């Protein structure tokens, strides 16, 4: 699903009274959709929760999103500290 679509869906779900938080791999697009809460990760497109076969990393990212969901008091996009370690394979 593209970043714009996620932002639009997130806005509609929020309008129905359900809080949301999304993952952004392209923050410049995500910011343009005015999402209420998002976490930016420096990962390649298609890998929003990190490297394959790294369940501990996936869990940490999910936990960070849940904390963002609970603590954000205004619309925000935060950057999470995780980095892709295998960039060489993708360049």
PDB file of N, CA and C in Angstrom:
ATOM      1  N   UNK A   1       0.857  -1.166   0.000  1.00  0.00           N
ATOM      2  CA  UNK A   1       0.000   0.000   0.000  1.00  0.00           C
ATOM      3  C   UNK A   1       0.904   1.230   0.000  1.00  0.00           C
ATOM      4  N   UNK A   2       0.556   2.236  -0.762  1.00  0.00           N
ATOM      5  CA  UNK A   2       1.405   3.422  -0.852  1.00  0.00           C
ATOM      6  C   UNK A   2       1.231   4.329   0.360  1.00  0.00           C
ATOM      7  N   UNK A   3       2.207   5.199   0.560  1.00  0.00           N
ATOM      8  CA  UNK A   3       2.199   6.100   1.715  1.00  0.00           C
ATOM      9  C   UNK A   3       0.961   6.998   1.737  1.00  0.00           C
ATOM     10  N   UNK A   4       0.576   7.489   0.594  1.00  0.00           N
ATOM     11  CA  UNK A   4      -0.603   8.371   0.546  1.00  0.00           C
ATOM     12  C   UNK A   4      -1.871   7.609   0.943  1.00  0.00           C
ATOM     13  N   UNK A   5      -2.007   6.404   0.443  1.00  0.00           N
ATOM     14  CA  UNK A   5      -3.184   5.597   0.792  1.00  0.00           C
ATOM     15  C   UNK A   5      -3.238   5.317   2.286  1.00  0.00           C
ATOM     16  N   UNK A   6      -2.092   4.987   2.864  1.00  0.00           N
ATOM     17  CA  UNK A   6      -2.054   4.726   4.304  1.00  0.00           C
ATOM     18  C   UNK A   6      -2.484   5.969   5.066  1.00  0.00           C
ATOM     19  N   UNK A   7      -2.003   7.140   4.658  1.00  0.00           N
ATOM     20  CA  UNK A   7      -2.387   8.383   5.317  1.00  0.00           C
ATOM     21  C   UNK A   7      -3.873   8.648   5.221  1.00  0.00           C
ATOM     22  N   UNK A   8      -4.448   8.393   4.060  1.00  0.00           N
ATOM     23  CA  UNK A   8      -5.894   8.605   3.887  1.00  0.00           C
ATOM     24  C   UNK A   8      -6.705   7.628   4.729  1.00  0.00           C
ATOM     25  N   UNK A   9      -6.299   6.362   4.728  1.00  0.00           N
ATOM     26  CA  UNK A   9      -7.000   5.362   5.540  1.00  0.00           C
ATOM     27  C   UNK A   9      -6.844   5.697   7.019  1.00  0.00           C
ATOM     28  N   UNK A  10      -5.643   6.091   7.411  1.00  0.00           N
ATOM     29  CA  UNK A  10      -5.409   6.444   8.808  1.00  0.00           C
ATOM     30  C   UNK A  10      -6.301   7.607   9.230  1.00  0.00           C
ATOM     31  N   UNK A  11      -6.441   8.602   8.375  1.00  0.00           N
ATOM     32  CA  UNK A  11      -7.317   9.731   8.684  1.00  0.00           C
ATOM     33  C   UNK A  11      -8.766   9.309   8.837  1.00  0.00           C
ATOM     34  N   UNK A  12      -9.248   8.415   7.971  1.00  0.00           N
ATOM     35  CA  UNK A  12     -10.630   7.946   8.046  1.00  0.00           C
ATOM     36  C   UNK A  12     -10.863   7.132   9.322  1.00  0.00           C
ATOM     37  N   UNK A  13      -9.915   6.294   9.688  1.00  0.00           N
ATOM     38  CA  UNK A  13     -10.050   5.493  10.909  1.00  0.00           C
ATOM     39  C   UNK A  13     -10.048   6.401  12.134  1.00  0.00           C
ATOM     40  N   UNK A  14      -9.179   7.403  12.128  1.00  0.00           N
ATOM     41  CA  UNK A  14      -9.137   8.365  13.239  1.00  0.00           C
ATOM     42  C   UNK A  14     -10.461   9.121  13.345  1.00  0.00           C
ATOM     43  N   UNK A  15     -11.045   9.485  12.195  1.00  0.00           N
ATOM     44  CA  UNK A  15     -12.318  10.213  12.194  1.00  0.00           C
ATOM     45  C   UNK A  15     -13.431   9.370  12.804  1.00  0.00           C
ATOM     46  N   UNK A  16     -13.288   8.046  12.752  1.00  0.00           N
ATOM     47  CA  UNK A  16     -14.273   7.148  13.354  1.00  0.00           C
ATOM     48  C   UNK A  16     -14.012   6.942  14.849  1.00  0.00           C
ATOM     49  N   UNK A  17     -12.976   7.603  15.379  1.00  0.00           N
ATOM     50  CA  UNK A  17     -12.708   7.529  16.805  1.00  0.00           C
ATOM     51  C   UNK A  17     -11.720   6.466  17.237  1.00  0.00           C
ATOM     52  N   UNK A  18     -10.998   5.886  16.289  1.00  0.00           N
ATOM     53  CA  UNK A  18     -10.015   4.847  16.610  1.00  0.00           C
ATOM     54  C   UNK A  18      -8.627   5.427  16.400  1.00  0.00           C
ATOM     55  N   UNK A  19      -7.793   5.393  17.434  1.00  0.00           N
ATOM     56  CA  UNK A  19      -6.436   5.922  17.344  1.00  0.00           C
ATOM     57  C   UNK A  19      -5.561   5.028  16.473  1.00  0.00           C
ATOM     58  N   UNK A  20      -4.644   5.648  15.721  1.00  0.00           N
ATOM     59  CA  UNK A  20      -3.771   4.910  14.814  1.00  0.00           C
ATOM     60  C   UNK A  20      -2.340   5.421  14.910  1.00  0.00           C
ATOM     61  N   UNK A  21      -1.412   4.564  14.496  1.00  0.00           N
ATOM     62  CA  UNK A  21      -0.014   4.933  14.317  1.00  0.00           C
ATOM     63  C   UNK A  21       0.483   4.132  13.121  1.00  0.00           C
ATOM     64  N   UNK A  22       1.246   4.771  12.255  1.00  0.00           N
ATOM     65  CA  UNK A  22       1.716   4.080  11.059  1.00  0.00           C
ATOM     66  C   UNK A  22       3.235   4.135  10.967  1.00  0.00           C
ATOM     67  N   UNK A  23       3.778   3.323  10.060  1.00  0.00           N
ATOM     68  CA  UNK A  23       5.207   3.297   9.774  1.00  0.00           C
ATOM     69  C   UNK A  23       5.434   4.080   8.488  1.00  0.00           C
ATOM     70  N   UNK A  24       6.450   4.922   8.486  1.00  0.00           N
ATOM     71  CA  UNK A  24       6.782   5.723   7.309  1.00  0.00           C
ATOM     72  C   UNK A  24       8.194   5.403   6.846  1.00  0.00           C
ATOM     73  N   UNK A  25       8.329   5.047   5.590  1.00  0.00           N
ATOM     74  CA  UNK A  25       9.650   4.863   5.004  1.00  0.00           C
ATOM     75  C   UNK A  25      10.030   6.058   4.144  1.00  0.00           C
ATOM     76  N   UNK A  26       9.063   6.879   3.804  1.00  0.00           N
ATOM     77  CA  UNK A  26       9.273   8.124   3.056  1.00  0.00           C
ATOM     78  C   UNK A  26       8.575   9.250   3.824  1.00  0.00           C
ATOM     79  N   UNK A  27       9.237   9.836   4.820  1.00  0.00           N
ATOM     80  CA  UNK A  27       8.562  10.801   5.689  1.00  0.00           C
ATOM     81  C   UNK A  27       8.048  12.031   4.965  1.00  0.00           C
ATOM     82  N   UNK A  28       8.698  12.428   3.885  1.00  0.00           N
ATOM     83  CA  UNK A  28       8.229  13.612   3.160  1.00  0.00           C
ATOM     84  C   UNK A  28       6.842  13.396   2.574  1.00  0.00           C
ATOM     85  N   UNK A  29       6.530  12.177   2.186  1.00  0.00           N
ATOM     86  CA  UNK A  29       5.190  11.865   1.684  1.00  0.00           C
ATOM     87  C   UNK A  29       4.213  11.745   2.851  1.00  0.00           C
ATOM     88  N   UNK A  30       4.641  11.060   3.899  1.00  0.00           N
ATOM     89  CA  UNK A  30       3.788  10.872   5.071  1.00  0.00           C
ATOM     90  C   UNK A  30       3.396  12.207   5.683  1.00  0.00           C
ATOM     91  N   UNK A  31       4.339  13.124   5.802  1.00  0.00           N
ATOM     92  CA  UNK A  31       4.030  14.446   6.357  1.00  0.00           C
ATOM     93  C   UNK A  31       2.978  15.162   5.528  1.00  0.00           C
ATOM     94  N   UNK A  32       3.010  14.967   4.220  1.00  0.00           N
ATOM     95  CA  UNK A  32       2.040  15.605   3.336  1.00  0.00           C
ATOM     96  C   UNK A  32       0.622  15.104   3.521  1.00  0.00           C
ATOM     97  N   UNK A  33       0.464  13.915   4.083  1.00  0.00           N
ATOM     98  CA  UNK A  33      -0.876  13.374   4.295  1.00  0.00           C
ATOM     99  C   UNK A  33      -1.441  13.763   5.656  1.00  0.00           C
ATOM    100  N   UNK A  34      -0.627  14.446   6.458  1.00  0.00           N
ATOM    101  CA  UNK A  34      -1.064  14.942   7.771  1.00  0.00           C
ATOM    102  C   UNK A  34      -1.587  13.818   8.675  1.00  0.00           C
ATOM    103  N   UNK A  35      -0.828  12.728   8.750  1.00  0.00           N
ATOM    104  CA  UNK A  35      -1.223  11.626   9.629  1.00  0.00           C
ATOM    105  C   UNK A  35      -1.121  12.067  11.085  1.00  0.00           C
ATOM    106  N   UNK A  36      -1.936  11.485  11.961  1.00  0.00           N
ATOM    107  CA  UNK A  36      -1.880  11.875  13.369  1.00  0.00           C
ATOM    108  C   UNK A  36      -0.622  11.381  14.084  1.00  0.00           C
ATOM    109  N   UNK A  37      -0.182  10.156  13.780  1.00  0.00           N
ATOM    110  CA  UNK A  37       0.990   9.589  14.418  1.00  0.00           C
ATOM    111  C   UNK A  37       1.682   8.646  13.446  1.00  0.00           C
ATOM    112  N   UNK A  38       3.006   8.809  13.310  1.00  0.00           N
ATOM    113  CA  UNK A  38       3.774   7.904  12.455  1.00  0.00           C
ATOM    114  C   UNK A  38       5.196   7.803  12.974  1.00  0.00           C
ATOM    115  N   UNK A  39       5.828   6.688  12.682  1.00  0.00           N
ATOM    116  CA  UNK A  39       7.224   6.465  13.026  1.00  0.00           C
ATOM    117  C   UNK A  39       8.000   6.256  11.732  1.00  0.00           C
ATOM    118  N   UNK A  40       9.032   7.062  11.543  1.00  0.00           N
ATOM    119  CA  UNK A  40       9.883   6.976  10.354  1.00  0.00           C
ATOM    120  C   UNK A  40      11.024   6.011  10.630  1.00  0.00           C
ATOM    121  N   UNK A  41      11.251   5.110   9.679  1.00  0.00           N
ATOM    122  CA  UNK A  41      12.354   4.155   9.763  1.00  0.00           C
ATOM    123  C   UNK A  41      13.191   4.248   8.497  1.00  0.00           C
ATOM    124  N   UNK A  42      14.491   4.207   8.638  1.00  0.00           N
ATOM    125  CA  UNK A  42      15.400   4.258   7.487  1.00  0.00           C
ATOM    126  C   UNK A  42      15.637   2.853   6.949  1.00  0.00           C
ATOM    127  N   UNK A  43      14.590   2.315   6.358  1.00  0.00           N
ATOM    128  CA  UNK A  43      14.648   0.987   5.767  1.00  0.00           C
ATOM    129  C   UNK A  43      14.249   1.090   4.298  1.00  0.00           C
ATOM    130  N   UNK A  44      14.671   0.117   3.478  1.00  0.00           N
ATOM    131  CA  UNK A  44      14.238   0.123   2.079  1.00  0.00           C
ATOM    132  C   UNK A  44      12.726  -0.089   1.974  1.00  0.00           C
ATOM    133  N   UNK A  45      12.149   0.444   0.912  1.00  0.00           N
ATOM    134  CA  UNK A  45      10.721   0.255   0.687  1.00  0.00           C
ATOM    135  C   UNK A  45      10.393  -1.236   0.670  1.00  0.00           C
ATOM    136  N   UNK A  46       9.262  -1.577   1.226  1.00  0.00           N
ATOM    137  CA  UNK A  46       8.838  -2.973   1.282  1.00  0.00           C
ATOM    138  C   UNK A  46       9.271  -3.689   2.546  1.00  0.00           C
ATOM    139  N   UNK A  47      10.026  -3.008   3.407  1.00  0.00           N
ATOM    140  CA  UNK A  47      10.525  -3.623   4.641  1.00  0.00           C
ATOM    141  C   UNK A  47      10.222  -2.736   5.845  1.00  0.00           C
ATOM    142  N   UNK A  48       8.952  -2.431   6.099  1.00  0.00           N
ATOM    143  CA  UNK A  48       8.625  -1.447   7.129  1.00  0.00           C
ATOM    144  C   UNK A  48       8.971  -1.862   8.555  1.00  0.00           C
ATOM    145  N   UNK A  49       9.129  -3.150   8.800  1.00  0.00           N
ATOM    146  CA  UNK A  49       9.474  -3.581  10.150  1.00  0.00           C
ATOM    147  C   UNK A  49      10.898  -4.112  10.237  1.00  0.00           C
ATOM    148  N   UNK A  50      11.697  -3.853   9.232  1.00  0.00           N
ATOM    149  CA  UNK A  50      13.108  -4.199   9.305  1.00  0.00           C
ATOM    150  C   UNK A  50      13.498  -5.385   8.464  1.00  0.00           C
ATOM    151  N   UNK A  51      14.674  -5.861   8.787  1.00  0.00           N
ATOM    152  CA  UNK A  51      15.281  -6.928   8.005  1.00  0.00           C
ATOM    153  C   UNK A  51      14.544  -8.258   8.198  1.00  0.00           C
ATOM    154  N   UNK A  52      14.522  -9.068   7.150  1.00  0.00           N
ATOM    155  CA  UNK A  52      13.872 -10.379   7.263  1.00  0.00           C
ATOM    156  C   UNK A  52      14.558 -11.238   8.330  1.00  0.00           C
ATOM    157  N   UNK A  53      13.794 -12.109   8.938  1.00  0.00           N
ATOM    158  CA  UNK A  53      14.309 -13.070   9.918  1.00  0.00           C
ATOM    159  C   UNK A  53      14.932 -12.408  11.140  1.00  0.00           C
ATOM    160  N   UNK A  54      14.410 -11.253  11.526  1.00  0.00           N
ATOM    161  CA  UNK A  54      14.864 -10.543  12.726  1.00  0.00           C
ATOM    162  C   UNK A  54      13.659 -10.259  13.629  1.00  0.00           C
ATOM    163  N   UNK A  55      13.035 -11.308  14.172  1.00  0.00           N
ATOM    164  CA  UNK A  55      11.809 -11.101  14.944  1.00  0.00           C
ATOM    165  C   UNK A  55      11.995 -10.193  16.156  1.00  0.00           C
ATOM    166  N   UNK A  56      13.158 -10.190  16.774  1.00  0.00           N
ATOM    167  CA  UNK A  56      13.369  -9.306  17.931  1.00  0.00           C
ATOM    168  C   UNK A  56      13.273  -7.843  17.497  1.00  0.00           C
ATOM    169  N   UNK A  57      13.837  -7.534  16.344  1.00  0.00           N
ATOM    170  CA  UNK A  57      13.745  -6.169  15.820  1.00  0.00           C
ATOM    171  C   UNK A  57      12.301  -5.817  15.478  1.00  0.00           C
ATOM    172  N   UNK A  58      11.591  -6.734  14.875  1.00  0.00           N
ATOM    173  CA  UNK A  58      10.189  -6.503  14.521  1.00  0.00           C
ATOM    174  C   UNK A  58       9.365  -6.204  15.778  1.00  0.00           C
ATOM    175  N   UNK A  59       9.606  -6.957  16.829  1.00  0.00           N
ATOM    176  CA  UNK A  59       8.878  -6.748  18.089  1.00  0.00           C
ATOM    177  C   UNK A  59       9.208  -5.387  18.701  1.00  0.00           C
ATOM    178  N   UNK A  60      10.497  -4.992  18.669  1.00  0.00           N
ATOM    179  CA  UNK A  60      10.882  -3.686  19.225  1.00  0.00           C
ATOM    180  C   UNK A  60      10.187  -2.557  18.476  1.00  0.00           C
ATOM    181  N   UNK A  61      10.131  -2.660  17.159  1.00  0.00           N
ATOM    182  CA  UNK A  61       9.484  -1.623  16.350  1.00  0.00           C
ATOM    183  C   UNK A  61       7.990  -1.558  16.674  1.00  0.00           C
ATOM    184  N   UNK A  62       7.350  -2.702  16.774  1.00  0.00           N
ATOM    185  CA  UNK A  62       5.931  -2.730  17.130  1.00  0.00           C
ATOM    186  C   UNK A  62       5.705  -2.124  18.517  1.00  0.00           C
ATOM    187  N   UNK A  63       6.558  -2.458  19.469  1.00  0.00           N
ATOM    188  CA  UNK A  63       6.441  -1.875  20.805  1.00  0.00           C
ATOM    189  C   UNK A  63       6.613  -0.357  20.757  1.00  0.00           C
ATOM    190  N   UNK A  64       7.558   0.132  19.957  1.00  0.00           N
ATOM    191  CA  UNK A  64       7.755   1.576  19.822  1.00  0.00           C
ATOM    192  C   UNK A  64       6.517   2.249  19.225  1.00  0.00           C
ATOM    193  N   UNK A  65       5.886   1.587  18.263  1.00  0.00           N
ATOM    194  CA  UNK A  65       4.650   2.133  17.678  1.00  0.00           C
ATOM    195  C   UNK A  65       3.532   2.192  18.713  1.00  0.00           C
ATOM    196  N   UNK A  66       3.425   1.176  19.549  1.00  0.00           N
ATOM    197  CA  UNK A  66       2.396   1.174  20.585  1.00  0.00           C
ATOM    198  C   UNK A  66       2.651   2.270  21.620  1.00  0.00           C
ATOM    199  N   UNK A  67       3.910   2.502  21.959  1.00  0.00           N
ATOM    200  CA  UNK A  67       4.240   3.602  22.875  1.00  0.00           C
ATOM    201  C   UNK A  67       3.866   4.933  22.237  1.00  0.00           C
ATOM    202  N   UNK A  68       4.190   5.105  20.956  1.00  0.00           N
ATOM    203  CA  UNK A  68       3.812   6.325  20.247  1.00  0.00           C
ATOM    204  C   UNK A  68       2.294   6.505  20.279  1.00  0.00           C
ATOM    205  N   UNK A  69       1.580   5.443  20.042  1.00  0.00           N
ATOM    206  CA  UNK A  69       0.121   5.490  20.047  1.00  0.00           C
ATOM    207  C   UNK A  69      -0.423   5.943  21.411  1.00  0.00           C
ATOM    208  N   UNK A  70       0.202   5.492  22.469  1.00  0.00           N
ATOM    209  CA  UNK A  70      -0.248   5.830  23.822  1.00  0.00           C
ATOM    210  C   UNK A  70       0.175   7.218  24.271  1.00  0.00           C
ATOM    211  N   UNK A  71       1.313   7.708  23.786  1.00  0.00           N
ATOM    212  CA  UNK A  71       1.897   8.924  24.368  1.00  0.00           C
ATOM    213  C   UNK A  71       1.752  10.187  23.530  1.00  0.00           C
ATOM    214  N   UNK A  72       1.567  10.064  22.235  1.00  0.00           N
ATOM    215  CA  UNK A  72       1.497  11.260  21.384  1.00  0.00           C
ATOM    216  C   UNK A  72       0.241  12.057  21.707  1.00  0.00           C
ATOM    217  N   UNK A  73       0.415  13.328  21.999  1.00  0.00           N
ATOM    218  CA  UNK A  73      -0.720  14.180  22.353  1.00  0.00           C
ATOM    219  C   UNK A  73      -1.111  15.121  21.220  1.00  0.00           C
ATOM    220  N   UNK A  74      -0.313  15.146  20.166  1.00  0.00           N
ATOM    221  CA  UNK A  74      -0.608  15.966  18.991  1.00  0.00           C
ATOM    222  C   UNK A  74      -0.049  15.251  17.769  1.00  0.00           C
ATOM    223  N   UNK A  75      -0.455  15.626  16.576  1.00  0.00           N
ATOM    224  CA  UNK A  75       0.070  14.964  15.375  1.00  0.00           C
ATOM    225  C   UNK A  75       1.601  15.032  15.344  1.00  0.00           C
ATOM    226  N   UNK A  76       2.209  13.894  15.069  1.00  0.00           N
ATOM    227  CA  UNK A  76       3.665  13.835  15.090  1.00  0.00           C
ATOM    228  C   UNK A  76       4.199  12.713  14.208  1.00  0.00           C
ATOM    229  N   UNK A  77       5.386  12.926  13.678  1.00  0.00           N
ATOM    230  CA  UNK A  77       6.146  11.882  12.997  1.00  0.00           C
ATOM    231  C   UNK A  77       7.501  11.838  13.691  1.00  0.00           C
ATOM    232  N   UNK A  78       7.796  10.700  14.315  1.00  0.00           N
ATOM    233  CA  UNK A  78       9.077  10.546  15.001  1.00  0.00           C
ATOM    234  C   UNK A  78       9.991   9.663  14.167  1.00  0.00           C
ATOM    235  N   UNK A  79      11.284   9.766  14.384  1.00  0.00           N
ATOM    236  CA  UNK A  79      12.231   8.868  13.725  1.00  0.00           C
ATOM    237  C   UNK A  79      12.716   7.852  14.742  1.00  0.00           C
ATOM    238  N   UNK A  80      12.583   6.586  14.405  1.00  0.00           N
ATOM    239  CA  UNK A  80      13.082   5.530  15.278  1.00  0.00           C
ATOM    240  C   UNK A  80      14.551   5.271  14.954  1.00  0.00           C
ATOM    241  N   UNK A  81      15.340   4.810  15.924  1.00  0.00           N
ATOM    242  CA  UNK A  81      16.799   4.733  15.758  1.00  0.00           C
ATOM    243  C   UNK A  81      17.315   3.531  14.974  1.00  0.00           C
ATOM    244  N   UNK A  82      16.471   2.676  14.485  1.00  0.00           N
ATOM    245  CA  UNK A  82      16.923   1.454  13.821  1.00  0.00           C
ATOM    246  C   UNK A  82      17.466   1.760  12.423  1.00  0.00           C
ATOM    247  N   UNK A  83      18.503   1.019  12.023  1.00  0.00           N
ATOM    248  CA  UNK A  83      19.109   1.206  10.703  1.00  0.00           C
ATOM    249  C   UNK A  83      19.255  -0.142  10.010  1.00  0.00           C
ATOM    250  N   UNK A  84      19.127  -0.108   8.704  1.00  0.00           N
ATOM    251  CA  UNK A  84      19.290  -1.296   7.866  1.00  0.00           C
ATOM    252  C   UNK A  84      20.776  -1.602   7.776  1.00  0.00           C
ATOM    253  N   UNK A  85      21.167  -2.806   8.122  1.00  0.00           N
ATOM    254  CA  UNK A  85      22.588  -3.148   8.150  1.00  0.00           C
ATOM    255  C   UNK A  85      23.102  -3.725   6.831  1.00  0.00           C
ATOM    256  N   UNK A  86      22.212  -4.074   5.946  1.00  0.00           N
ATOM    257  CA  UNK A  86      22.638  -4.757   4.712  1.00  0.00           C
ATOM    258  C   UNK A  86      22.424  -3.897   3.482  1.00  0.00           C
ATOM    259  N   UNK A  87      22.732  -2.594   3.561  1.00  0.00           N
ATOM    260  CA  UNK A  87      22.488  -1.725   2.414  1.00  0.00           C
ATOM    261  C   UNK A  87      23.211  -2.182   1.172  1.00  0.00           C
ATOM    262  N   UNK A  88      24.376  -2.784   1.335  1.00  0.00           N
ATOM    263  CA  UNK A  88      25.153  -3.229   0.178  1.00  0.00           C
ATOM    264  C   UNK A  88      24.374  -4.147  -0.748  1.00  0.00           C
ATOM    265  N   UNK A  89      23.505  -4.983  -0.193  1.00  0.00           N
ATOM    266  CA  UNK A  89      22.710  -5.894  -0.994  1.00  0.00           C
ATOM    267  C   UNK A  89      21.655  -5.173  -1.812  1.00  0.00           C
ATOM    268  N   UNK A  90      21.301  -3.949  -1.412  1.00  0.00           N
ATOM    269  CA  UNK A  90      20.201  -3.243  -2.042  1.00  0.00           C
ATOM    270  C   UNK A  90      20.642  -2.111  -2.956  1.00  0.00           C
ATOM    271  N   UNK A  91      21.929  -1.834  -2.995  1.00  0.00           N
ATOM    272  CA  UNK A  91      22.413  -0.729  -3.830  1.00  0.00           C
ATOM    273  C   UNK A  91      22.823  -1.204  -5.195  1.00  0.00           C
TER     274      UNK A  91
END
